[in-house]
C-alpha cells in the first residue's frame, strides 16, 4: 500500500472552488487510475491536503504522470493556489 499526499495552500475564499475540483475528479480517479483505492480531502486552518491511497508505490508515481493529474486536476487547481503544492509519496511497511 502507498499514499500520495498533496498539500495545497489555498486562500480560504477559494476553498469552496478547490473542494469542487476535488469532487469533480474523485470518482474518475477511483474509476480510471490503476491501483487507486481511496481519495480524501483534509482541511486545516493553514492548508488543504488531498490524501490518495494506492495499491503500490509504482501506482502512486504513475498517477503523477497521468493526464488526469497533469492536465485536468493541476489545470483546474493552478489558479487557486497561493504557492506550489507540496507533493509526497509514502510507502507502507
N, C-alpha and C. Protein backbone atom coordinates (compact mmCIF):
# COMPACT_ATOMS: atom_id res chain seq x y z
N UNK A 1 0.84 -1.18 0.00
CA UNK A 1 0.00 0.00 0.00
C UNK A 1 0.89 1.24 0.00
N UNK A 2 0.42 2.29 -0.65
CA UNK A 2 1.15 3.55 -0.73
C UNK A 2 0.17 4.71 -0.65
N UNK A 3 0.70 5.85 -0.25
CA UNK A 3 -0.11 7.06 -0.16
C UNK A 3 0.58 8.20 -0.88
N UNK A 4 -0.23 9.01 -1.53
CA UNK A 4 0.21 10.25 -2.14
C UNK A 4 -0.48 11.36 -1.37
N UNK A 5 0.33 12.25 -0.79
CA UNK A 5 -0.20 13.37 -0.02
C UNK A 5 0.17 14.65 -0.75
N UNK A 6 -0.84 15.44 -1.09
CA UNK A 6 -0.60 16.72 -1.76
C UNK A 6 -1.16 17.81 -0.86
N UNK A 7 -0.28 18.69 -0.42
CA UNK A 7 -0.67 19.81 0.43
C UNK A 7 -0.79 21.06 -0.42
N UNK A 8 -1.94 21.71 -0.30
CA UNK A 8 -2.26 22.89 -1.11
C UNK A 8 -2.49 24.09 -0.21
N UNK A 9 -1.86 25.18 -0.55
CA UNK A 9 -2.10 26.44 0.15
C UNK A 9 -3.08 27.26 -0.69
N UNK A 10 -4.32 27.28 -0.19
CA UNK A 10 -5.42 27.91 -0.90
C UNK A 10 -6.03 28.96 0.02
N UNK A 11 -6.24 30.16 -0.49
CA UNK A 11 -6.91 31.21 0.28
C UNK A 11 -8.28 30.69 0.73
N UNK A 12 -8.66 30.97 1.98
CA UNK A 12 -9.96 30.48 2.47
C UNK A 12 -11.13 30.82 1.53
N UNK A 13 -11.08 31.96 0.87
CA UNK A 13 -12.16 32.33 -0.06
C UNK A 13 -12.23 31.40 -1.26
N UNK A 14 -11.11 30.76 -1.61
CA UNK A 14 -11.07 29.86 -2.76
C UNK A 14 -11.25 28.39 -2.40
N UNK A 15 -11.42 28.10 -1.12
CA UNK A 15 -11.53 26.70 -0.71
C UNK A 15 -12.78 26.01 -1.27
N UNK A 16 -13.92 26.69 -1.35
CA UNK A 16 -15.07 26.01 -1.99
C UNK A 16 -14.77 25.61 -3.45
N UNK A 17 -14.06 26.45 -4.17
CA UNK A 17 -13.70 26.12 -5.55
C UNK A 17 -12.72 24.94 -5.58
N UNK A 18 -11.76 24.93 -4.66
CA UNK A 18 -10.82 23.81 -4.59
C UNK A 18 -11.54 22.52 -4.22
N UNK A 19 -12.49 22.60 -3.32
CA UNK A 19 -13.28 21.42 -2.94
C UNK A 19 -14.09 20.90 -4.13
N UNK A 20 -14.56 21.80 -4.98
CA UNK A 20 -15.32 21.36 -6.15
C UNK A 20 -14.42 20.64 -7.14
N UNK A 21 -13.15 21.04 -7.24
CA UNK A 21 -12.19 20.32 -8.09
C UNK A 21 -11.99 18.91 -7.53
N UNK A 22 -11.85 18.81 -6.22
CA UNK A 22 -11.72 17.50 -5.57
C UNK A 22 -12.92 16.62 -5.92
N UNK A 23 -14.12 17.15 -5.75
CA UNK A 23 -15.34 16.37 -6.01
C UNK A 23 -15.44 15.99 -7.49
N UNK A 24 -15.08 16.90 -8.37
CA UNK A 24 -15.17 16.66 -9.81
C UNK A 24 -14.32 15.47 -10.25
N UNK A 25 -13.12 15.34 -9.66
CA UNK A 25 -12.19 14.32 -10.12
C UNK A 25 -12.06 13.10 -9.20
N UNK A 26 -12.77 13.08 -8.09
CA UNK A 26 -12.64 11.94 -7.16
C UNK A 26 -13.07 10.63 -7.84
N UNK A 27 -14.26 10.59 -8.39
CA UNK A 27 -14.73 9.34 -8.98
C UNK A 27 -13.94 8.94 -10.22
N UNK A 28 -13.62 9.87 -11.12
CA UNK A 28 -12.75 9.48 -12.25
C UNK A 28 -11.41 8.91 -11.78
N UNK A 29 -10.86 9.48 -10.72
CA UNK A 29 -9.62 8.95 -10.14
C UNK A 29 -9.82 7.50 -9.70
N UNK A 30 -10.86 7.25 -8.93
CA UNK A 30 -11.11 5.90 -8.40
C UNK A 30 -11.46 4.91 -9.51
N UNK A 31 -12.13 5.38 -10.55
CA UNK A 31 -12.57 4.50 -11.64
C UNK A 31 -11.50 4.21 -12.68
N UNK A 32 -10.58 5.15 -12.90
CA UNK A 32 -9.70 5.01 -14.06
C UNK A 32 -8.20 4.92 -13.77
N UNK A 33 -7.79 5.21 -12.55
CA UNK A 33 -6.36 5.18 -12.24
C UNK A 33 -5.98 3.81 -11.67
N UNK A 34 -5.02 3.18 -12.32
CA UNK A 34 -4.59 1.84 -11.89
C UNK A 34 -4.11 1.87 -10.44
N UNK A 35 -4.64 0.95 -9.64
CA UNK A 35 -4.20 0.80 -8.26
C UNK A 35 -4.81 1.78 -7.28
N UNK A 36 -5.66 2.71 -7.73
CA UNK A 36 -6.26 3.69 -6.83
C UNK A 36 -7.24 3.00 -5.89
N UNK A 37 -7.14 3.31 -4.59
CA UNK A 37 -8.02 2.69 -3.60
C UNK A 37 -8.85 3.69 -2.80
N UNK A 38 -8.37 4.94 -2.69
CA UNK A 38 -9.10 5.93 -1.89
C UNK A 38 -8.62 7.34 -2.25
N UNK A 39 -9.44 8.31 -1.89
CA UNK A 39 -9.07 9.72 -2.05
C UNK A 39 -9.86 10.51 -1.02
N UNK A 40 -9.16 11.26 -0.17
CA UNK A 40 -9.79 12.01 0.91
C UNK A 40 -9.32 13.46 0.89
N UNK A 41 -10.23 14.38 1.20
CA UNK A 41 -9.91 15.80 1.32
C UNK A 41 -9.81 16.14 2.80
N UNK A 42 -8.65 16.65 3.21
CA UNK A 42 -8.39 17.01 4.60
C UNK A 42 -8.22 18.52 4.68
N UNK A 43 -8.96 19.16 5.55
CA UNK A 43 -8.94 20.62 5.64
C UNK A 43 -8.46 21.05 7.01
N UNK A 44 -7.46 21.93 7.00
CA UNK A 44 -6.95 22.54 8.23
C UNK A 44 -6.99 24.05 8.04
N UNK A 45 -6.82 24.80 9.12
CA UNK A 45 -6.79 26.26 9.01
C UNK A 45 -5.72 26.73 8.06
N UNK A 46 -4.53 26.10 8.14
CA UNK A 46 -3.38 26.59 7.37
C UNK A 46 -3.28 26.06 5.95
N UNK A 47 -3.97 24.94 5.64
CA UNK A 47 -3.87 24.38 4.30
C UNK A 47 -4.95 23.34 4.06
N UNK A 48 -4.92 22.79 2.85
CA UNK A 48 -5.81 21.72 2.44
C UNK A 48 -4.93 20.59 1.94
N UNK A 49 -5.26 19.37 2.31
CA UNK A 49 -4.48 18.22 1.83
C UNK A 49 -5.42 17.24 1.13
N UNK A 50 -4.88 16.63 0.09
CA UNK A 50 -5.59 15.55 -0.57
C UNK A 50 -4.74 14.30 -0.37
N UNK A 51 -5.34 13.29 0.25
CA UNK A 51 -4.65 12.05 0.54
C UNK A 51 -5.21 10.96 -0.37
N UNK A 52 -4.33 10.41 -1.21
CA UNK A 52 -4.71 9.38 -2.18
C UNK A 52 -4.13 8.04 -1.72
N UNK A 53 -4.92 6.99 -1.78
CA UNK A 53 -4.44 5.65 -1.47
C UNK A 53 -4.24 4.85 -2.75
N UNK A 54 -3.18 4.05 -2.76
CA UNK A 54 -2.84 3.22 -3.92
C UNK A 54 -2.43 1.82 -3.46
N UNK A 55 -2.51 0.87 -4.37
CA UNK A 55 -2.06 -0.48 -4.07
C UNK A 55 -0.54 -0.56 -3.99
N UNK A 56 0.16 0.32 -4.72
CA UNK A 56 1.63 0.26 -4.73
C UNK A 56 2.23 1.63 -4.95
N UNK A 57 3.51 1.74 -4.64
CA UNK A 57 4.27 2.96 -4.87
C UNK A 57 4.32 3.28 -6.36
N UNK A 58 4.47 2.26 -7.19
CA UNK A 58 4.50 2.46 -8.65
C UNK A 58 3.19 3.06 -9.14
N UNK A 59 2.06 2.63 -8.59
CA UNK A 59 0.76 3.19 -8.97
C UNK A 59 0.68 4.67 -8.60
N UNK A 60 1.16 5.03 -7.42
CA UNK A 60 1.14 6.43 -6.98
C UNK A 60 1.98 7.29 -7.91
N UNK A 61 3.17 6.84 -8.23
CA UNK A 61 4.05 7.60 -9.11
C UNK A 61 3.50 7.70 -10.53
N UNK A 62 2.84 6.65 -11.00
CA UNK A 62 2.24 6.67 -12.33
C UNK A 62 1.11 7.70 -12.39
N UNK A 63 0.34 7.82 -11.33
CA UNK A 63 -0.74 8.82 -11.30
C UNK A 63 -0.19 10.23 -11.49
N UNK A 64 0.96 10.52 -10.88
CA UNK A 64 1.55 11.86 -11.00
C UNK A 64 1.91 12.20 -12.44
N UNK A 65 2.08 11.19 -13.30
CA UNK A 65 2.38 11.40 -14.71
C UNK A 65 1.15 11.27 -15.61
N UNK A 66 0.00 10.95 -15.04
CA UNK A 66 -1.20 10.72 -15.84
C UNK A 66 -1.80 12.04 -16.33
N UNK A 67 -2.55 11.95 -17.43
CA UNK A 67 -3.24 13.13 -17.96
C UNK A 67 -4.29 13.63 -16.98
N UNK A 68 -4.94 12.73 -16.26
CA UNK A 68 -5.94 13.15 -15.28
C UNK A 68 -5.32 14.10 -14.26
N UNK A 69 -4.11 13.78 -13.80
CA UNK A 69 -3.45 14.64 -12.83
C UNK A 69 -2.82 15.87 -13.49
N UNK A 70 -1.95 15.66 -14.47
CA UNK A 70 -1.16 16.76 -15.02
C UNK A 70 -1.99 17.77 -15.80
N UNK A 71 -3.01 17.30 -16.49
CA UNK A 71 -3.82 18.20 -17.32
C UNK A 71 -5.07 18.67 -16.59
N UNK A 72 -5.85 17.72 -16.10
CA UNK A 72 -7.16 18.05 -15.54
C UNK A 72 -7.08 18.65 -14.14
N UNK A 73 -6.55 17.89 -13.19
CA UNK A 73 -6.52 18.34 -11.80
C UNK A 73 -5.63 19.58 -11.64
N UNK A 74 -4.40 19.49 -12.13
CA UNK A 74 -3.48 20.62 -11.99
C UNK A 74 -4.01 21.84 -12.74
N UNK A 75 -4.57 21.62 -13.92
CA UNK A 75 -5.12 22.73 -14.69
C UNK A 75 -6.23 23.46 -13.97
N UNK A 76 -7.12 22.72 -13.32
CA UNK A 76 -8.22 23.34 -12.60
C UNK A 76 -7.77 23.98 -11.28
N UNK A 77 -6.78 23.39 -10.62
CA UNK A 77 -6.35 23.91 -9.32
C UNK A 77 -5.36 25.07 -9.41
N UNK A 78 -4.57 25.11 -10.45
CA UNK A 78 -3.47 26.10 -10.55
C UNK A 78 -3.91 27.53 -10.25
N UNK A 79 -5.03 28.01 -10.77
CA UNK A 79 -5.41 29.41 -10.48
C UNK A 79 -5.78 29.66 -9.02
N UNK A 80 -6.03 28.60 -8.25
CA UNK A 80 -6.47 28.74 -6.87
C UNK A 80 -5.33 28.69 -5.86
N UNK A 81 -4.15 28.29 -6.30
CA UNK A 81 -3.03 28.05 -5.38
C UNK A 81 -2.24 29.31 -5.08
N UNK A 82 -1.86 29.46 -3.82
CA UNK A 82 -1.01 30.57 -3.40
C UNK A 82 0.46 30.25 -3.58
N UNK A 83 0.81 28.97 -3.48
CA UNK A 83 2.19 28.51 -3.64
C UNK A 83 2.16 27.18 -4.38
N UNK A 84 3.33 26.70 -4.79
CA UNK A 84 3.40 25.38 -5.39
C UNK A 84 2.97 24.33 -4.37
N UNK A 85 2.28 23.29 -4.81
CA UNK A 85 1.88 22.25 -3.88
C UNK A 85 3.08 21.45 -3.37
N UNK A 86 2.92 20.91 -2.18
CA UNK A 86 3.92 20.01 -1.59
C UNK A 86 3.43 18.59 -1.86
N UNK A 87 4.17 17.85 -2.68
CA UNK A 87 3.77 16.50 -3.09
C UNK A 87 4.70 15.49 -2.44
N UNK A 88 4.11 14.52 -1.72
CA UNK A 88 4.88 13.49 -1.04
C UNK A 88 4.26 12.13 -1.29
N UNK A 89 5.10 11.15 -1.56
CA UNK A 89 4.65 9.78 -1.76
C UNK A 89 5.24 8.93 -0.63
N UNK A 90 4.36 8.13 0.00
CA UNK A 90 4.77 7.28 1.11
C UNK A 90 4.47 5.83 0.79
N UNK A 91 5.37 4.95 1.18
CA UNK A 91 5.16 3.52 1.09
C UNK A 91 4.87 3.01 2.50
N UNK A 92 4.01 2.02 2.63
CA UNK A 92 3.72 1.46 3.95
C UNK A 92 4.56 0.21 4.17
N UNK A 93 4.76 -0.12 5.42
CA UNK A 93 5.55 -1.31 5.77
C UNK A 93 4.69 -2.30 6.52
